[in-house]
Every structure is written in structure tokens, then in C-alpha cells.
PDB file of N, CA and C in Angstrom:
ATOM      1  N   MET A   1       0.942  -1.211  -0.002  1.00  0.00           N
ATOM      2  CA  MET A   1       0.045  -0.029  -0.016  1.00  0.00           C
ATOM      3  C   MET A   1       0.899   1.226   0.030  1.00  0.00           C
ATOM      4  N   GLU A   2       0.563   2.161  -0.824  1.00  0.00           N
ATOM      5  CA  GLU A   2       1.233   3.514  -0.910  1.00  0.00           C
ATOM      6  C   GLU A   2       0.527   4.570  -0.214  1.00  0.00           C
ATOM      7  N   ALA A   3       1.292   5.365   0.652  1.00  0.00           N
ATOM      8  CA  ALA A   3       0.707   6.532   1.314  1.00  0.00           C
ATOM      9  C   ALA A   3       0.533   7.702   0.305  1.00  0.00           C
ATOM     10  N   LYS A   4      -0.657   8.218   0.461  1.00  0.00           N
ATOM     11  CA  LYS A   4      -0.970   9.363  -0.406  1.00  0.00           C
ATOM     12  C   LYS A   4      -0.815  10.660   0.432  1.00  0.00           C
ATOM     13  N   THR A   5      -0.849  10.607   1.719  1.00  0.00           N
ATOM     14  CA  THR A   5      -0.626  11.818   2.603  1.00  0.00           C
ATOM     15  C   THR A   5       0.137  11.280   3.808  1.00  0.00           C
ATOM     16  N   PRO A   6       0.789  12.227   4.436  1.00  0.00           N
ATOM     17  CA  PRO A   6       1.422  11.850   5.660  1.00  0.00           C
ATOM     18  C   PRO A   6       0.636  11.279   6.668  1.00  0.00           C
ATOM     19  N   GLN A   7      -0.623  11.847   6.862  1.00  0.00           N
ATOM     20  CA  GLN A   7      -1.539  11.259   7.805  1.00  0.00           C
ATOM     21  C   GLN A   7      -1.913   9.867   7.603  1.00  0.00           C
ATOM     22  N   GLU A   8      -2.120   9.614   6.341  1.00  0.00           N
ATOM     23  CA  GLU A   8      -2.443   8.270   5.861  1.00  0.00           C
ATOM     24  C   GLU A   8      -1.338   7.272   6.286  1.00  0.00           C
ATOM     25  N   PHE A   9      -0.135   7.707   6.149  1.00  0.00           N
ATOM     26  CA  PHE A   9       1.077   6.933   6.413  1.00  0.00           C
ATOM     27  C   PHE A   9       0.955   6.657   7.972  1.00  0.00           C
ATOM     28  N   PHE A  10       0.791   7.664   8.833  1.00  0.00           N
ATOM     29  CA  PHE A  10       0.803   7.479  10.217  1.00  0.00           C
ATOM     30  C   PHE A  10      -0.286   6.624  10.719  1.00  0.00           C
ATOM     31  N   ASP A  11      -1.455   6.827  10.177  1.00  0.00           N
ATOM     32  CA  ASP A  11      -2.703   6.038  10.556  1.00  0.00           C
ATOM     33  C   ASP A  11      -2.795   4.670  10.046  1.00  0.00           C
ATOM     34  N   GLU A  12      -2.474   4.483   8.767  1.00  0.00           N
ATOM     35  CA  GLU A  12      -2.789   3.165   8.092  1.00  0.00           C
ATOM     36  C   GLU A  12      -1.604   2.253   7.832  1.00  0.00           C
ATOM     37  N   ILE A  13      -0.376   2.902   7.597  1.00  0.00           N
ATOM     38  CA  ILE A  13       0.758   2.059   7.115  1.00  0.00           C
ATOM     39  C   ILE A  13       1.716   1.870   8.295  1.00  0.00           C
ATOM     40  N   LEU A  14       2.119   2.971   8.919  1.00  0.00           N
ATOM     41  CA  LEU A  14       3.183   2.762   9.931  1.00  0.00           C
ATOM     42  C   LEU A  14       2.909   1.601  10.994  1.00  0.00           C
ATOM     43  N   PRO A  15       1.614   1.536  11.534  1.00  0.00           N
ATOM     44  CA  PRO A  15       1.474   0.441  12.544  1.00  0.00           C
ATOM     45  C   PRO A  15       1.770  -0.896  11.984  1.00  0.00           C
ATOM     46  N   PHE A  16       1.663  -1.237  10.718  1.00  0.00           N
ATOM     47  CA  PHE A  16       1.928  -2.543  10.068  1.00  0.00           C
ATOM     48  C   PHE A  16       3.338  -2.583   9.710  1.00  0.00           C
ATOM     49  N   ARG A  17       4.017  -1.500   9.454  1.00  0.00           N
ATOM     50  CA  ARG A  17       5.457  -1.534   8.914  1.00  0.00           C
ATOM     51  C   ARG A  17       6.433  -1.518  10.055  1.00  0.00           C
ATOM     52  N   PHE A  18       6.061  -1.100  11.180  1.00  0.00           N
ATOM     53  CA  PHE A  18       6.923  -1.021  12.331  1.00  0.00           C
ATOM     54  C   PHE A  18       7.389  -2.426  12.756  1.00  0.00           C
ATOM     55  N   LYS A  19       8.702  -2.566  13.008  1.00  0.00           N
ATOM     56  CA  LYS A  19       9.237  -3.908  13.315  1.00  0.00           C
ATOM     57  C   LYS A  19       9.815  -3.754  14.798  1.00  0.00           C
ATOM     58  N   PRO A  20       8.969  -4.236  15.671  1.00  0.00           N
ATOM     59  CA  PRO A  20       9.344  -4.001  17.182  1.00  0.00           C
ATOM     60  C   PRO A  20      10.681  -4.741  17.507  1.00  0.00           C
ATOM     61  N   GLU A  21      10.979  -5.862  16.836  1.00  0.00           N
ATOM     62  CA  GLU A  21      12.210  -6.609  17.174  1.00  0.00           C
ATOM     63  C   GLU A  21      13.402  -5.795  16.714  1.00  0.00           C
ATOM     64  N   LYS A  22      13.311  -4.810  15.727  1.00  0.00           N
ATOM     65  CA  LYS A  22      14.319  -3.958  15.325  1.00  0.00           C
ATOM     66  C   LYS A  22      14.554  -2.610  16.179  1.00  0.00           C
ATOM     67  N   ALA A  23      13.451  -2.506  17.085  1.00  0.00           N
ATOM     68  CA  ALA A  23      13.437  -1.221  17.937  1.00  0.00           C
ATOM     69  C   ALA A  23      13.943  -1.500  19.373  1.00  0.00           C
ATOM     70  N   LYS A  24      14.605  -2.755  19.591  1.00  0.00           N
ATOM     71  CA  LYS A  24      15.019  -3.104  20.869  1.00  0.00           C
ATOM     72  C   LYS A  24      16.147  -2.036  21.233  1.00  0.00           C
ATOM     73  N   GLY A  25      16.003  -1.516  22.496  1.00  0.00           N
ATOM     74  CA  GLY A  25      17.005  -0.581  22.975  1.00  0.00           C
ATOM     75  C   GLY A  25      16.716   0.877  22.594  1.00  0.00           C
ATOM     76  N   ILE A  26      15.757   1.134  21.750  1.00  0.00           N
ATOM     77  CA  ILE A  26      15.371   2.563  21.309  1.00  0.00           C
ATOM     78  C   ILE A  26      14.314   3.008  22.376  1.00  0.00           C
ATOM     79  N   ASP A  27      14.645   4.188  23.003  1.00  0.00           N
ATOM     80  CA  ASP A  27      13.778   4.811  23.886  1.00  0.00           C
ATOM     81  C   ASP A  27      13.892   6.347  23.479  1.00  0.00           C
ATOM     82  N   ALA A  28      13.028   6.770  22.538  1.00  0.00           N
ATOM     83  CA  ALA A  28      13.132   8.044  22.014  1.00  0.00           C
ATOM     84  C   ALA A  28      11.839   8.699  21.552  1.00  0.00           C
ATOM     85  N   THR A  29      11.768  10.103  21.564  1.00  0.00           N
ATOM     86  CA  THR A  29      10.763  10.739  20.911  1.00  0.00           C
ATOM     87  C   THR A  29      11.281  11.466  19.773  1.00  0.00           C
ATOM     88  N   ILE A  30      10.651  11.328  18.683  1.00  0.00           N
ATOM     89  CA  ILE A  30      10.997  11.931  17.364  1.00  0.00           C
ATOM     90  C   ILE A  30       9.992  12.942  16.961  1.00  0.00           C
ATOM     91  N   GLN A  31      10.404  14.097  16.660  1.00  0.00           N
ATOM     92  CA  GLN A  31       9.393  15.225  16.149  1.00  0.00           C
ATOM     93  C   GLN A  31       9.638  15.222  14.652  1.00  0.00           C
ATOM     94  N   LEU A  32       8.469  15.129  13.942  1.00  0.00           N
ATOM     95  CA  LEU A  32       8.517  15.284  12.449  1.00  0.00           C
ATOM     96  C   LEU A  32       7.699  16.344  12.040  1.00  0.00           C
ATOM     97  N   ASN A  33       8.296  17.281  11.270  1.00  0.00           N
ATOM     98  CA  ASN A  33       7.620  18.439  10.761  1.00  0.00           C
ATOM     99  C   ASN A  33       7.630  18.317   9.272  1.00  0.00           C
ATOM    100  N   VAL A  34       6.436  18.198   8.724  1.00  0.00           N
ATOM    101  CA  VAL A  34       6.314  18.047   7.243  1.00  0.00           C
ATOM    102  C   VAL A  34       5.617  19.260   6.724  1.00  0.00           C
ATOM    103  N   THR A  35       6.208  19.907   5.744  1.00  0.00           N
ATOM    104  CA  THR A  35       5.625  21.115   5.104  1.00  0.00           C
ATOM    105  C   THR A  35       4.913  20.664   3.866  1.00  0.00           C
ATOM    106  N   GLY A  36       3.976  21.451   3.363  1.00  0.00           N
ATOM    107  CA  GLY A  36       3.093  21.180   2.248  1.00  0.00           C
ATOM    108  C   GLY A  36       1.665  21.139   2.474  1.00  0.00           C
ATOM    109  N   PRO A  37       0.802  21.108   1.476  1.00  0.00           N
ATOM    110  CA  PRO A  37      -0.536  21.131   1.591  1.00  0.00           C
ATOM    111  C   PRO A  37      -1.181  20.138   2.594  1.00  0.00           C
ATOM    112  N   HIS A  38      -0.634  18.856   2.704  1.00  0.00           N
ATOM    113  CA  HIS A  38      -1.168  17.965   3.744  1.00  0.00           C
ATOM    114  C   HIS A  38      -0.158  17.644   4.783  1.00  0.00           C
ATOM    115  N   GLY A  39       0.709  18.567   4.967  1.00  0.00           N
ATOM    116  CA  GLY A  39       1.816  18.442   5.916  1.00  0.00           C
ATOM    117  C   GLY A  39       1.268  18.712   7.323  1.00  0.00           C
ATOM    118  N   GLY A  40       2.108  18.796   8.265  1.00  0.00           N
ATOM    119  CA  GLY A  40       1.761  19.037   9.704  1.00  0.00           C
ATOM    120  C   GLY A  40       2.814  18.558  10.629  1.00  0.00           C
ATOM    121  N   ASP A  41       2.544  18.483  11.928  1.00  0.00           N
ATOM    122  CA  ASP A  41       3.538  18.202  12.835  1.00  0.00           C
ATOM    123  C   ASP A  41       3.024  16.759  13.497  1.00  0.00           C
ATOM    124  N   TRP A  42       3.979  15.889  13.696  1.00  0.00           N
ATOM    125  CA  TRP A  42       3.662  14.606  14.299  1.00  0.00           C
ATOM    126  C   TRP A  42       4.762  14.305  15.188  1.00  0.00           C
ATOM    127  N   ASN A  43       4.521  13.519  16.372  1.00  0.00           N
ATOM    128  CA  ASN A  43       5.570  13.153  17.169  1.00  0.00           C
ATOM    129  C   ASN A  43       5.371  11.574  17.381  1.00  0.00           C
ATOM    130  N   VAL A  44       6.546  10.959  17.338  1.00  0.00           N
ATOM    131  CA  VAL A  44       6.564   9.493  17.341  1.00  0.00           C
ATOM    132  C   VAL A  44       7.373   9.089  18.626  1.00  0.00           C
ATOM    133  N   GLU A  45       6.850   8.282  19.459  1.00  0.00           N
ATOM    134  CA  GLU A  45       7.529   7.743  20.580  1.00  0.00           C
ATOM    135  C   GLU A  45       7.768   6.278  20.408  1.00  0.00           C
ATOM    136  N   ILE A  46       8.992   5.876  20.558  1.00  0.00           N
ATOM    137  CA  ILE A  46       9.430   4.531  20.566  1.00  0.00           C
ATOM    138  C   ILE A  46       9.962   4.085  21.888  1.00  0.00           C
ATOM    139  N   LYS A  47       9.235   3.191  22.573  1.00  0.00           N
ATOM    140  CA  LYS A  47       9.678   2.764  23.859  1.00  0.00           C
ATOM    141  C   LYS A  47       9.263   1.377  24.193  1.00  0.00           C
ATOM    142  N   ASP A  48      10.136   0.555  24.749  1.00  0.00           N
ATOM    143  CA  ASP A  48       9.825  -0.821  25.056  1.00  0.00           C
ATOM    144  C   ASP A  48       9.239  -1.542  23.889  1.00  0.00           C
ATOM    145  N   GLN A  49       9.970  -1.330  22.678  1.00  0.00           N
ATOM    146  CA  GLN A  49       9.588  -1.929  21.442  1.00  0.00           C
ATOM    147  C   GLN A  49       8.194  -1.676  20.955  1.00  0.00           C
ATOM    148  N   LYS A  50       7.632  -0.506  21.464  1.00  0.00           N
ATOM    149  CA  LYS A  50       6.231  -0.118  20.955  1.00  0.00           C
ATOM    150  C   LYS A  50       6.431   1.294  20.291  1.00  0.00           C
ATOM    151  N   LEU A  51       5.536   1.442  19.408  1.00  0.00           N
ATOM    152  CA  LEU A  51       5.507   2.873  18.634  1.00  0.00           C
ATOM    153  C   LEU A  51       4.194   3.528  18.844  1.00  0.00           C
ATOM    154  N   THR A  52       4.119   4.751  19.179  1.00  0.00           N
ATOM    155  CA  THR A  52       2.902   5.514  19.232  1.00  0.00           C
ATOM    156  C   THR A  52       3.226   6.856  18.461  1.00  0.00           C
ATOM    157  N   ALA A  53       2.277   7.106  17.561  1.00  0.00           N
ATOM    158  CA  ALA A  53       2.455   8.413  16.704  1.00  0.00           C
ATOM    159  C   ALA A  53       1.185   9.201  16.953  1.00  0.00           C
ATOM    160  N   GLN A  54       1.362  10.511  17.020  1.00  0.00           N
ATOM    161  CA  GLN A  54       0.176  11.337  17.151  1.00  0.00           C
ATOM    162  C   GLN A  54       0.554  12.773  16.642  1.00  0.00           C
ATOM    163  N   ASN A  55      -0.496  13.535  16.291  1.00  0.00           N
ATOM    164  CA  ASN A  55      -0.405  14.791  15.779  1.00  0.00           C
ATOM    165  C   ASN A  55       0.023  15.590  16.899  1.00  0.00           C
ATOM    166  N   GLY A  56       0.789  16.751  16.541  1.00  0.00           N
ATOM    167  CA  GLY A  56       1.361  17.695  17.527  1.00  0.00           C
ATOM    168  C   GLY A  56       2.770  17.863  17.635  1.00  0.00           C
ATOM    169  N   ILE A  57       3.196  18.790  18.545  1.00  0.00           N
ATOM    170  CA  ILE A  57       4.589  19.028  18.764  1.00  0.00           C
ATOM    171  C   ILE A  57       4.953  18.551  20.113  1.00  0.00           C
ATOM    172  N   ARG A  58       6.059  17.832  20.219  1.00  0.00           N
ATOM    173  CA  ARG A  58       6.643  17.444  21.498  1.00  0.00           C
ATOM    174  C   ARG A  58       7.881  18.247  21.888  1.00  0.00           C
ATOM    175  N   LEU A  59       8.007  18.718  23.035  1.00  0.00           N
ATOM    176  CA  LEU A  59       9.166  19.485  23.349  1.00  0.00           C
ATOM    177  C   LEU A  59      10.343  18.573  23.649  1.00  0.00           C
ATOM    178  N   SER A  60      11.458  19.014  23.442  1.00  0.00           N
ATOM    179  CA  SER A  60      12.656  18.270  23.801  1.00  0.00           C
ATOM    180  C   SER A  60      12.754  16.782  23.062  1.00  0.00           C
ATOM    181  N   PRO A  61      12.518  16.669  21.852  1.00  0.00           N
ATOM    182  CA  PRO A  61      12.577  15.365  21.224  1.00  0.00           C
ATOM    183  C   PRO A  61      14.113  14.979  21.081  1.00  0.00           C
ATOM    184  N   LYS A  62      14.315  13.646  20.924  1.00  0.00           N
ATOM    185  CA  LYS A  62      15.725  13.250  20.839  1.00  0.00           C
ATOM    186  C   LYS A  62      16.159  13.505  19.369  1.00  0.00           C
ATOM    187  N   LEU A  63      15.173  13.560  18.466  1.00  0.00           N
ATOM    188  CA  LEU A  63      15.589  13.792  17.103  1.00  0.00           C
ATOM    189  C   LEU A  63      14.349  14.611  16.391  1.00  0.00           C
ATOM    190  N   THR A  64      14.745  15.673  15.663  1.00  0.00           N
ATOM    191  CA  THR A  64      13.674  16.386  14.945  1.00  0.00           C
ATOM    192  C   THR A  64      13.990  16.192  13.527  1.00  0.00           C
ATOM    193  N   ILE A  65      13.016  15.935  12.695  1.00  0.00           N
ATOM    194  CA  ILE A  65      13.110  15.738  11.258  1.00  0.00           C
ATOM    195  C   ILE A  65      12.299  16.737  10.588  1.00  0.00           C
ATOM    196  N   GLY A  66      12.836  17.487   9.607  1.00  0.00           N
ATOM    197  CA  GLY A  66      12.203  18.484   8.714  1.00  0.00           C
ATOM    198  C   GLY A  66      12.200  18.007   7.291  1.00  0.00           C
ATOM    199  N   VAL A  67      11.036  17.960   6.660  1.00  0.00           N
ATOM    200  CA  VAL A  67      10.990  17.381   5.275  1.00  0.00           C
ATOM    201  C   VAL A  67       9.703  17.956   4.700  1.00  0.00           C
ATOM    202  N   SER A  68       9.717  18.105   3.290  1.00  0.00           N
ATOM    203  CA  SER A  68       8.554  18.390   2.634  1.00  0.00           C
ATOM    204  C   SER A  68       7.657  17.295   2.331  1.00  0.00           C
ATOM    205  N   GLU A  69       6.395  17.457   2.278  1.00  0.00           N
ATOM    206  CA  GLU A  69       5.408  16.479   2.059  1.00  0.00           C
ATOM    207  C   GLU A  69       5.796  15.445   0.869  1.00  0.00           C
ATOM    208  N   ALA A  70       6.197  16.147  -0.238  1.00  0.00           N
ATOM    209  CA  ALA A  70       6.477  15.307  -1.382  1.00  0.00           C
ATOM    210  C   ALA A  70       7.754  14.386  -1.061  1.00  0.00           C
ATOM    211  N   ASP A  71       8.717  14.917  -0.427  1.00  0.00           N
ATOM    212  CA  ASP A  71       9.908  14.144  -0.196  1.00  0.00           C
ATOM    213  C   ASP A  71       9.698  13.024   0.854  1.00  0.00           C
ATOM    214  N   PHE A  72       8.841  13.369   1.862  1.00  0.00           N
ATOM    215  CA  PHE A  72       8.470  12.446   3.002  1.00  0.00           C
ATOM    216  C   PHE A  72       7.682  11.285   2.249  1.00  0.00           C
ATOM    217  N   LEU A  73       6.794  11.568   1.417  1.00  0.00           N
ATOM    218  CA  LEU A  73       5.985  10.421   0.731  1.00  0.00           C
ATOM    219  C   LEU A  73       6.929   9.596  -0.072  1.00  0.00           C
ATOM    220  N   ASP A  74       7.844  10.259  -0.803  1.00  0.00           N
ATOM    221  CA  ASP A  74       8.847   9.406  -1.640  1.00  0.00           C
ATOM    222  C   ASP A  74       9.688   8.535  -0.709  1.00  0.00           C
ATOM    223  N   ILE A  75      10.064   9.012   0.363  1.00  0.00           N
ATOM    224  CA  ILE A  75      10.822   8.199   1.372  1.00  0.00           C
ATOM    225  C   ILE A  75      10.022   7.056   1.980  1.00  0.00           C
ATOM    226  N   VAL A  76       8.842   7.280   2.401  1.00  0.00           N
ATOM    227  CA  VAL A  76       8.119   6.229   3.038  1.00  0.00           C
ATOM    228  C   VAL A  76       7.477   5.315   2.004  1.00  0.00           C
ATOM    229  N   ASN A  77       7.355   5.721   0.769  1.00  0.00           N
ATOM    230  CA  ASN A  77       6.891   4.745  -0.274  1.00  0.00           C
ATOM    231  C   ASN A  77       8.098   4.206  -1.110  1.00  0.00           C
ATOM    232  N   ASP A  78       9.270   4.293  -0.526  1.00  0.00           N
ATOM    233  CA  ASP A  78      10.463   3.646  -1.069  1.00  0.00           C
ATOM    234  C   ASP A  78      10.865   4.135  -2.533  1.00  0.00           C
ATOM    235  N   LYS A  79      10.579   5.424  -2.745  1.00  0.00           N
ATOM    236  CA  LYS A  79      10.992   6.022  -4.042  1.00  0.00           C
ATOM    237  C   LYS A  79      12.375   6.756  -3.816  1.00  0.00           C
ATOM    238  N   LEU A  80      12.682   7.047  -2.509  1.00  0.00           N
ATOM    239  CA  LEU A  80      13.809   7.884  -2.195  1.00  0.00           C
ATOM    240  C   LEU A  80      14.370   7.383  -0.957  1.00  0.00           C
ATOM    241  N   SER A  81      15.629   7.086  -0.891  1.00  0.00           N
ATOM    242  CA  SER A  81      16.188   6.685   0.440  1.00  0.00           C
ATOM    243  C   SER A  81      16.341   7.828   1.412  1.00  0.00           C
ATOM    244  N   ALA A  82      16.170   7.718   2.643  1.00  0.00           N
ATOM    245  CA  ALA A  82      16.332   8.704   3.605  1.00  0.00           C
ATOM    246  C   ALA A  82      17.818   9.227   3.552  1.00  0.00           C
ATOM    247  N   GLN A  83      18.742   8.313   3.353  1.00  0.00           N
ATOM    248  CA  GLN A  83      20.170   8.780   3.348  1.00  0.00           C
ATOM    249  C   GLN A  83      20.369   9.623   2.088  1.00  0.00           C
ATOM    250  N   LYS A  84      19.857   9.290   0.930  1.00  0.00           N
ATOM    251  CA  LYS A  84      20.046  10.189  -0.292  1.00  0.00           C
ATOM    252  C   LYS A  84      19.355  11.490   0.029  1.00  0.00           C
ATOM    253  N   ALA A  85      18.169  11.503   0.545  1.00  0.00           N
ATOM    254  CA  ALA A  85      17.495  12.682   0.850  1.00  0.00           C
ATOM    255  C   ALA A  85      18.231  13.555   1.726  1.00  0.00           C
ATOM    256  N   PHE A  86      18.890  13.002   2.743  1.00  0.00           N
ATOM    257  CA  PHE A  86      19.810  13.787   3.726  1.00  0.00           C
ATOM    258  C   PHE A  86      20.951  14.475   2.920  1.00  0.00           C
ATOM    259  N   PHE A  87      21.679  13.675   2.181  1.00  0.00           N
ATOM    260  CA  PHE A  87      22.908  14.178   1.426  1.00  0.00           C
ATOM    261  C   PHE A  87      22.553  15.089   0.327  1.00  0.00           C
ATOM    262  N   THR A  88      21.256  15.222  -0.081  1.00  0.00           N
ATOM    263  CA  THR A  88      20.853  16.075  -1.072  1.00  0.00           C
ATOM    264  C   THR A  88      20.056  17.414  -0.538  1.00  0.00           C
ATOM    265  N   GLY A  89      19.982  17.291   0.858  1.00  0.00           N
ATOM    266  CA  GLY A  89      19.325  18.455   1.493  1.00  0.00           C
ATOM    267  C   GLY A  89      17.809  18.394   1.557  1.00  0.00           C
ATOM    268  N   LYS A  90      17.244  17.313   1.218  1.00  0.00           N
ATOM    269  CA  LYS A  90      15.730  17.230   1.153  1.00  0.00           C
ATOM    270  C   LYS A  90      15.150  16.821   2.489  1.00  0.00           C
ATOM    271  N   ILE A  91      15.979  16.424   3.359  1.00  0.00           N
ATOM    272  CA  ILE A  91      15.510  15.976   4.758  1.00  0.00           C
ATOM    273  C   ILE A  91      16.547  16.623   5.700  1.00  0.00           C
ATOM    274  N   LYS A  92      16.076  17.196   6.802  1.00  0.00           N
ATOM    275  CA  LYS A  92      16.996  17.805   7.806  1.00  0.00           C
ATOM    276  C   LYS A  92      16.746  17.050   9.121  1.00  0.00           C
ATOM    277  N   PHE A  93      17.971  16.681   9.758  1.00  0.00           N
ATOM    278  CA  PHE A  93      17.914  16.126  11.029  1.00  0.00           C
ATOM    279  C   PHE A  93      18.459  17.042  11.973  1.00  0.00           C
ATOM    280  N   LYS A  94      17.921  17.032  13.244  1.00  0.00           N
ATOM    281  CA  LYS A  94      18.496  17.876  14.358  1.00  0.00           C
ATOM    282  C   LYS A  94      18.389  17.061  15.526  1.00  0.00           C
ATOM    283  N   GLY A  95      19.548  16.769  16.058  1.00  0.00           N
ATOM    284  CA  GLY A  95      19.599  15.901  17.283  1.00  0.00           C
ATOM    285  C   GLY A  95      20.489  14.671  17.118  1.00  0.00           C
ATOM    286  N   ASP A  96      19.974  13.479  17.526  1.00  0.00           N
ATOM    287  CA  ASP A  96      20.717  12.249  17.445  1.00  0.00           C
ATOM    288  C   ASP A  96      20.601  11.635  16.083  1.00  0.00           C
ATOM    289  N   ILE A  97      21.644  11.999  15.266  1.00  0.00           N
ATOM    290  CA  ILE A  97      21.635  11.411  13.822  1.00  0.00           C
ATOM    291  C   ILE A  97      21.764   9.822  13.857  1.00  0.00           C
ATOM    292  N   ALA A  98      22.443   9.256  14.823  1.00  0.00           N
ATOM    293  CA  ALA A  98      22.501   7.818  14.862  1.00  0.00           C
ATOM    294  C   ALA A  98      21.042   7.190  14.995  1.00  0.00           C
ATOM    295  N   LEU A  99      20.205   7.889  15.829  1.00  0.00           N
ATOM    296  CA  LEU A  99      18.919   7.369  15.810  1.00  0.00           C
ATOM    297  C   LEU A  99      18.146   7.163  14.561  1.00  0.00           C
ATOM    298  N   ALA A 100      18.443   8.190  13.721  1.00  0.00           N
ATOM    299  CA  ALA A 100      17.733   8.176  12.387  1.00  0.00           C
ATOM    300  C   ALA A 100      18.090   6.893  11.582  1.00  0.00           C
ATOM    301  N   LEU A 101      19.332   6.312  11.734  1.00  0.00           N
ATOM    302  CA  LEU A 101      19.704   5.130  11.069  1.00  0.00           C
ATOM    303  C   LEU A 101      18.995   3.887  11.681  1.00  0.00           C
ATOM    304  N   LYS A 102      18.713   3.964  13.027  1.00  0.00           N
ATOM    305  CA  LYS A 102      17.952   2.910  13.682  1.00  0.00           C
ATOM    306  C   LYS A 102      16.510   2.886  13.247  1.00  0.00           C
ATOM    307  N   LEU A 103      15.975   4.111  12.949  1.00  0.00           N
ATOM    308  CA  LEU A 103      14.579   4.300  12.584  1.00  0.00           C
ATOM    309  C   LEU A 103      14.297   3.528  11.262  1.00  0.00           C
ATOM    310  N   LYS A 104      15.255   3.598  10.258  1.00  0.00           N
ATOM    311  CA  LYS A 104      15.131   2.824   9.057  1.00  0.00           C
ATOM    312  C   LYS A 104      15.000   1.379   9.202  1.00  0.00           C
ATOM    313  N   ASP A 105      15.785   0.779  10.118  1.00  0.00           N
ATOM    314  CA  ASP A 105      15.738  -0.594  10.386  1.00  0.00           C
ATOM    315  C   ASP A 105      14.412  -0.994  11.029  1.00  0.00           C
ATOM    316  N   ALA A 106      13.878  -0.124  11.905  1.00  0.00           N
ATOM    317  CA  ALA A 106      12.626  -0.343  12.559  1.00  0.00           C
ATOM    318  C   ALA A 106      11.380  -0.064  11.775  1.00  0.00           C
ATOM    319  N   GLY A 107      11.513   0.319  10.563  1.00  0.00           N
ATOM    320  CA  GLY A 107      10.448   0.497   9.602  1.00  0.00           C
ATOM    321  C   GLY A 107       9.900   1.866   9.524  1.00  0.00           C
ATOM    322  N   PHE A 108      10.454   2.764  10.327  1.00  0.00           N
ATOM    323  CA  PHE A 108       9.760   4.132  10.239  1.00  0.00           C
ATOM    324  C   PHE A 108      10.221   5.048   9.055  1.00  0.00           C
ATOM    325  N   LEU A 109      11.477   5.085   8.697  1.00  0.00           N
ATOM    326  CA  LEU A 109      11.938   5.923   7.572  1.00  0.00           C
ATOM    327  C   LEU A 109      12.304   5.058   6.467  1.00  0.00           C
TER     328      LEU A 109
END
């Protein structure tokens, strides 16, 4: 299934794509800021191999991700790797960059 909006990704795809076994040892809050017509702010918490995502802004996240809606959808629909997006300036990370690599393995990016 391909996400058509960021909200659809968080509501319908991420719960099935998340791999708890790959999230062992991750205890973090991630703030995601998506710009564009269907963009918005989401925060994702991974703790005890469980993931919860909700709309809104969390203060003091371990990692903040800034990305356009089009690039976010390309990343989550496997049309653009998060690494390539980072190196070409399409996605911005602030905070624990090593965490971003773990998120890929856990099925988030």
C-alpha cells in the first residue's frame, strides 16, 4: 500500500510496517515536521519496542526531522532513500543522527 498523505502513512501504514524486534533498545521521541498542503507536525515515541504516533509538537525530542510532504512520501513509499534525501538536503535532522539510522531498520523511515 502506498501512502498518499503523511496522515495516511501514520494512521494506516506505519502500525503494520513497524518492526518491534528492530526497535530493541530504542527509547526516544521523534518530532517530524512536514511542510506542504497535507503536511503537519507529528511526534513518534518508541519505547519498550512499541511505537505511538500522534499529531502535535513534543518539546525536547531526541531527534527532529524536517521534510517536505513530497519528499516524505517518496521516502516512506520507497522511491527515495532517507540517506540520499539527507545528502541532497531534502531532509533535515536535528539531534541524534545515529537514531535516524535505527529508525530505518525499525520500519519508520
